[in-house]
Protein backbone atom coordinates (compact mmCIF):
# COMPACT_ATOMS: atom_id res chain seq x y z
CA MET A 1 -93.04 -6.36 -8.55
CA ARG A 2 -95.72 -6.75 -10.49
CA ARG A 3 -94.73 -3.24 -12.39
CA ALA A 4 -91.29 -4.58 -13.02
CA ALA A 5 -92.25 -7.84 -14.13
CA VAL A 6 -95.12 -6.48 -16.81
CA SER A 7 -92.38 -3.69 -17.89
CA ILE A 8 -90.49 -6.85 -19.05
CA PRO A 9 -92.69 -7.80 -22.08
CA ALA A 10 -94.38 -4.15 -22.42
CA ASN A 11 -90.98 -2.71 -23.31
CA ILE A 12 -90.00 -5.85 -26.14
CA SER A 13 -93.26 -5.78 -27.66
CA GLU A 14 -93.16 -1.70 -27.47
CA GLY A 15 -89.73 -1.79 -29.00
CA ALA A 16 -90.56 -4.53 -31.56
CA VAL A 17 -93.12 -1.39 -33.42
CA ARG A 18 -90.24 1.13 -33.47
CA GLN A 19 -88.63 2.21 -36.84
CA THR A 20 -85.04 1.60 -36.29
CA LYS A 21 -83.07 -1.30 -34.72
CA ARG A 22 -81.48 1.10 -32.73
CA GLU A 23 -84.52 2.01 -30.77
CA PHE A 24 -85.56 -1.84 -30.67
CA ILE A 25 -82.38 -2.39 -28.86
CA GLN A 26 -82.88 0.29 -26.58
CA PHE A 27 -86.30 -1.09 -25.33
CA LEU A 28 -84.31 -4.83 -24.78
CA HIS A 29 -81.55 -3.13 -22.67
CA LYS A 30 -84.86 -1.64 -20.82
CA ALA A 31 -86.06 -4.56 -20.67
CA GLN A 32 -83.09 -6.18 -19.25
CA GLY A 33 -83.38 -3.31 -16.59
CA SER A 34 -86.60 -4.24 -15.51
CA LEU A 35 -85.49 -7.82 -15.12
CA SER A 36 -82.49 -6.59 -12.95
CA GLU A 37 -84.94 -4.58 -11.30
CA LEU A 38 -87.32 -7.80 -10.26
CA ASP A 39 -84.21 -9.63 -9.17
CA THR A 40 -83.55 -7.26 -6.86
CA HIS A 41 -87.45 -7.38 -5.49
CA PHE A 42 -87.09 -10.96 -5.25
CA GLU A 43 -83.69 -10.79 -3.27
CA VAL A 44 -85.02 -8.24 -1.11
CA ALA A 45 -87.94 -9.94 -0.52
CA SER A 46 -86.20 -13.19 0.52
CA ALA A 47 -84.34 -11.31 2.87
CA LEU A 48 -86.99 -9.87 4.40
CA GLU A 49 -88.98 -13.59 4.58
CA TYR A 50 -91.53 -12.15 2.75
CA ILE A 51 -91.13 -14.95 0.11
CA GLU A 52 -89.84 -18.39 0.83
CA GLU A 53 -86.03 -19.40 0.04
CA ASN A 54 -87.21 -22.12 -2.29
CA ASP A 55 -89.56 -19.82 -3.86
CA LEU A 56 -86.31 -17.38 -5.14
CA LYS A 57 -84.36 -20.95 -6.23
CA ASP A 58 -87.37 -21.33 -8.15
CA VAL A 59 -87.46 -17.95 -9.85
CA SER A 60 -83.52 -17.25 -10.27
CA PRO A 61 -82.86 -19.77 -13.28
CA LEU A 62 -85.94 -18.39 -15.32
CA MET A 63 -84.52 -14.90 -14.95
CA ILE A 64 -81.24 -15.60 -15.73
CA GLU A 65 -83.07 -17.68 -19.24
CA ILE A 66 -84.66 -14.37 -20.08
CA ASP A 67 -81.76 -12.54 -19.86
CA LYS A 68 -79.69 -15.08 -21.98
CA MET A 69 -82.46 -14.56 -24.76
CA LEU A 70 -82.66 -10.84 -24.17
CA THR A 71 -78.94 -10.73 -24.70
CA GLY A 72 -78.50 -12.99 -27.39
CA LEU A 73 -81.21 -10.66 -29.63
CA ILE A 74 -79.36 -7.83 -28.72
CA LYS A 75 -76.40 -9.54 -30.22
CA SER A 76 -78.32 -10.62 -33.58
CA LEU A 77 -79.84 -7.39 -33.86
CA LYS A 78 -76.57 -5.48 -34.11
CA LYS A 79 -75.36 -7.98 -36.62
């Protein structure tokens, strides 16, 4: 879970220093993939009762918000 969580900002920052918008967008998509992976880890952890259901309810809106921000940034870069 930590690796997936750390990969999100790492991919954003790595993409930001790339030479082209196209490369940046690729890294933003990788960040979205890491976010999706993190979401899956939370779902599995909840199903296996490693975390409380309330913890999942707390973090889910945050992940949705991050995904919306990434999607918006991708759309703005494609213009």
